[in-house]
N, C-alpha and C. Protein backbone atom coordinates (compact mmCIF):
# COMPACT_ATOMS: atom_id res chain seq x y z
N UNK A 1 24.09 -29.82 -47.99
CA UNK A 1 22.98 -30.21 -47.16
C UNK A 1 22.37 -28.99 -46.45
N UNK A 2 23.21 -28.13 -45.92
CA UNK A 2 22.69 -26.95 -45.21
C UNK A 2 21.92 -26.03 -46.14
N UNK A 3 22.46 -25.80 -47.32
CA UNK A 3 21.78 -24.92 -48.26
C UNK A 3 20.48 -25.56 -48.73
N UNK A 4 20.49 -26.87 -48.94
CA UNK A 4 19.26 -27.57 -49.32
C UNK A 4 18.21 -27.45 -48.22
N UNK A 5 18.63 -27.51 -46.96
CA UNK A 5 17.70 -27.33 -45.85
C UNK A 5 17.10 -25.93 -45.87
N UNK A 6 17.91 -24.92 -46.16
CA UNK A 6 17.41 -23.55 -46.24
C UNK A 6 16.39 -23.41 -47.37
N UNK A 7 16.69 -24.01 -48.52
CA UNK A 7 15.76 -23.95 -49.65
C UNK A 7 14.45 -24.63 -49.29
N UNK A 8 14.55 -25.80 -48.66
CA UNK A 8 13.35 -26.55 -48.26
C UNK A 8 12.50 -25.74 -47.28
N UNK A 9 13.13 -25.14 -46.28
CA UNK A 9 12.40 -24.34 -45.30
C UNK A 9 11.78 -23.10 -45.94
N UNK A 10 12.51 -22.49 -46.86
CA UNK A 10 11.98 -21.31 -47.55
C UNK A 10 10.72 -21.67 -48.32
N UNK A 11 10.78 -22.77 -49.06
CA UNK A 11 9.61 -23.19 -49.85
C UNK A 11 8.44 -23.56 -48.96
N UNK A 12 8.73 -24.15 -47.82
CA UNK A 12 7.69 -24.59 -46.90
C UNK A 12 7.03 -23.41 -46.18
N UNK A 13 7.81 -22.42 -45.79
CA UNK A 13 7.33 -21.39 -44.88
C UNK A 13 7.06 -20.02 -45.49
N UNK A 14 7.44 -19.80 -46.72
CA UNK A 14 7.25 -18.48 -47.31
C UNK A 14 6.78 -18.60 -48.76
N UNK A 15 6.40 -17.46 -49.30
CA UNK A 15 6.09 -17.40 -50.72
C UNK A 15 7.10 -16.48 -51.37
N UNK A 16 7.25 -16.62 -52.67
CA UNK A 16 8.18 -15.75 -53.39
C UNK A 16 7.76 -14.30 -53.24
N UNK A 17 6.46 -14.05 -53.25
CA UNK A 17 5.98 -12.68 -53.11
C UNK A 17 6.36 -12.06 -51.77
N UNK A 18 6.43 -12.88 -50.73
CA UNK A 18 6.74 -12.37 -49.40
C UNK A 18 8.17 -11.83 -49.32
N UNK A 19 9.12 -12.60 -49.78
CA UNK A 19 10.52 -12.19 -49.67
C UNK A 19 11.09 -11.72 -51.00
N UNK A 20 10.51 -12.17 -52.08
CA UNK A 20 10.94 -11.74 -53.40
C UNK A 20 12.41 -11.96 -53.67
N UNK A 21 12.95 -11.06 -54.43
CA UNK A 21 14.33 -11.19 -54.89
C UNK A 21 15.34 -11.00 -53.77
N UNK A 22 14.94 -10.46 -52.65
CA UNK A 22 15.88 -10.17 -51.57
C UNK A 22 16.14 -11.35 -50.65
N UNK A 23 15.43 -12.45 -50.82
CA UNK A 23 15.57 -13.59 -49.90
C UNK A 23 17.01 -14.08 -49.82
N UNK A 24 17.60 -14.39 -50.97
CA UNK A 24 18.95 -14.96 -50.94
C UNK A 24 19.98 -13.95 -50.48
N UNK A 25 19.77 -12.67 -50.81
CA UNK A 25 20.69 -11.65 -50.29
C UNK A 25 20.59 -11.57 -48.78
N UNK A 26 19.39 -11.71 -48.25
CA UNK A 26 19.19 -11.72 -46.80
C UNK A 26 19.94 -12.90 -46.17
N UNK A 27 19.82 -14.08 -46.77
CA UNK A 27 20.53 -15.26 -46.26
C UNK A 27 22.04 -15.01 -46.28
N UNK A 28 22.54 -14.46 -47.37
CA UNK A 28 23.97 -14.17 -47.48
C UNK A 28 24.40 -13.18 -46.40
N UNK A 29 23.63 -12.13 -46.21
CA UNK A 29 23.95 -11.12 -45.19
C UNK A 29 23.92 -11.71 -43.78
N UNK A 30 22.91 -12.50 -43.48
CA UNK A 30 22.78 -13.08 -42.14
C UNK A 30 23.94 -14.01 -41.84
N UNK A 31 24.24 -14.93 -42.75
CA UNK A 31 25.29 -15.91 -42.49
C UNK A 31 26.70 -15.34 -42.68
N UNK A 32 26.81 -14.11 -43.14
CA UNK A 32 28.11 -13.43 -43.20
C UNK A 32 28.42 -12.71 -41.89
N UNK A 33 27.43 -12.54 -41.04
CA UNK A 33 27.59 -11.88 -39.75
C UNK A 33 28.43 -12.75 -38.80
N UNK A 34 29.41 -12.13 -38.14
CA UNK A 34 30.33 -12.88 -37.29
C UNK A 34 29.62 -13.60 -36.14
N UNK A 35 28.64 -12.99 -35.55
CA UNK A 35 27.89 -13.62 -34.46
C UNK A 35 27.17 -14.88 -34.96
N UNK A 36 26.52 -14.78 -36.11
CA UNK A 36 25.83 -15.93 -36.69
C UNK A 36 26.84 -17.00 -37.10
N UNK A 37 28.00 -16.58 -37.60
CA UNK A 37 29.05 -17.55 -37.95
C UNK A 37 29.46 -18.38 -36.73
N UNK A 38 29.58 -17.73 -35.58
CA UNK A 38 29.95 -18.42 -34.35
C UNK A 38 28.89 -19.44 -33.95
N UNK A 39 27.64 -19.04 -34.00
CA UNK A 39 26.54 -19.95 -33.64
C UNK A 39 26.46 -21.11 -34.63
N UNK A 40 26.56 -20.80 -35.91
CA UNK A 40 26.47 -21.84 -36.94
C UNK A 40 27.64 -22.80 -36.83
N UNK A 41 28.83 -22.29 -36.55
CA UNK A 41 29.99 -23.16 -36.38
C UNK A 41 29.82 -24.10 -35.20
N UNK A 42 29.23 -23.61 -34.12
CA UNK A 42 29.00 -24.46 -32.94
C UNK A 42 28.02 -25.59 -33.26
N UNK A 43 27.04 -25.30 -34.10
CA UNK A 43 26.03 -26.31 -34.41
C UNK A 43 26.45 -27.25 -35.55
N UNK A 44 27.05 -26.69 -36.61
CA UNK A 44 27.33 -27.48 -37.82
C UNK A 44 28.81 -27.68 -38.11
N UNK A 45 29.68 -26.94 -37.43
CA UNK A 45 31.11 -27.08 -37.67
C UNK A 45 31.71 -25.82 -38.29
N UNK A 46 33.01 -25.68 -38.12
CA UNK A 46 33.72 -24.51 -38.63
C UNK A 46 33.55 -24.41 -40.14
N UNK A 47 33.27 -23.21 -40.61
CA UNK A 47 33.12 -22.97 -42.04
C UNK A 47 31.72 -23.17 -42.58
N UNK A 48 30.78 -23.57 -41.73
CA UNK A 48 29.41 -23.82 -42.20
C UNK A 48 28.76 -22.56 -42.77
N UNK A 49 28.95 -21.44 -42.11
CA UNK A 49 28.36 -20.18 -42.60
C UNK A 49 28.94 -19.80 -43.96
N UNK A 50 30.25 -19.96 -44.10
CA UNK A 50 30.87 -19.65 -45.39
C UNK A 50 30.32 -20.56 -46.48
N UNK A 51 30.09 -21.82 -46.14
CA UNK A 51 29.52 -22.77 -47.08
C UNK A 51 28.11 -22.34 -47.50
N UNK A 52 27.32 -21.90 -46.54
CA UNK A 52 25.95 -21.43 -46.83
C UNK A 52 26.00 -20.21 -47.74
N UNK A 53 26.89 -19.28 -47.44
CA UNK A 53 27.01 -18.06 -48.25
C UNK A 53 27.42 -18.43 -49.68
N UNK A 54 28.41 -19.31 -49.82
CA UNK A 54 28.85 -19.71 -51.16
C UNK A 54 27.75 -20.45 -51.90
N UNK A 55 26.98 -21.27 -51.20
CA UNK A 55 25.89 -22.01 -51.83
C UNK A 55 24.72 -21.13 -52.19
N UNK A 56 24.52 -20.05 -51.45
CA UNK A 56 23.39 -19.16 -51.69
C UNK A 56 23.66 -18.14 -52.79
N UNK A 57 24.91 -17.80 -52.99
CA UNK A 57 25.26 -16.77 -53.97
C UNK A 57 24.78 -17.11 -55.38
N UNK A 58 25.01 -18.34 -55.88
CA UNK A 58 24.49 -18.66 -57.23
C UNK A 58 22.96 -18.62 -57.28
N UNK A 59 22.29 -19.00 -56.20
CA UNK A 59 20.83 -18.97 -56.17
C UNK A 59 20.33 -17.53 -56.26
N UNK A 60 21.01 -16.63 -55.56
CA UNK A 60 20.65 -15.22 -55.61
C UNK A 60 20.83 -14.70 -57.02
N UNK A 61 21.95 -15.04 -57.63
CA UNK A 61 22.23 -14.59 -59.00
C UNK A 61 21.20 -15.17 -59.98
N UNK A 62 20.87 -16.45 -59.82
CA UNK A 62 19.90 -17.09 -60.71
C UNK A 62 18.54 -16.42 -60.60
N UNK A 63 18.08 -16.14 -59.38
CA UNK A 63 16.79 -15.49 -59.19
C UNK A 63 16.81 -14.09 -59.77
N UNK A 64 17.89 -13.35 -59.52
CA UNK A 64 18.03 -11.99 -60.05
C UNK A 64 17.96 -12.03 -61.57
N UNK A 65 18.67 -12.96 -62.18
CA UNK A 65 18.69 -13.09 -63.64
C UNK A 65 17.31 -13.45 -64.16
N UNK A 66 16.62 -14.36 -63.48
CA UNK A 66 15.29 -14.79 -63.90
C UNK A 66 14.30 -13.64 -63.83
N UNK A 67 14.35 -12.87 -62.76
CA UNK A 67 13.38 -11.78 -62.58
C UNK A 67 13.64 -10.63 -63.55
N UNK A 68 14.90 -10.24 -63.69
CA UNK A 68 15.20 -9.03 -64.44
C UNK A 68 15.53 -9.26 -65.91
N UNK A 69 15.98 -10.44 -66.24
CA UNK A 69 16.46 -10.64 -67.60
C UNK A 69 15.71 -11.73 -68.35
N UNK A 70 14.62 -12.22 -67.79
CA UNK A 70 13.88 -13.30 -68.46
C UNK A 70 13.10 -12.76 -69.64
C-alpha cells in the first residue's frame, strides 16, 4: 500500500522527464535514512521504510532496464 501510494503521488505530481531514472533511487536513498525511518515508523509502523525500500528496488531496476536495455 505504501509503495502504491508513492507511485500514485509520483504519477500525479511529476513527469518522467523531471526525475527520470533517478526517481526510484532517490526514494530508496530517502527511506534508507535513519531519521526518515524513525518518522515513517511513527506514522506507519516499524519496518515501513524497509518495506518501501524493498518495494521500490524492483521498480528502479525495471525502469533502468527499460531505459538502457530496451
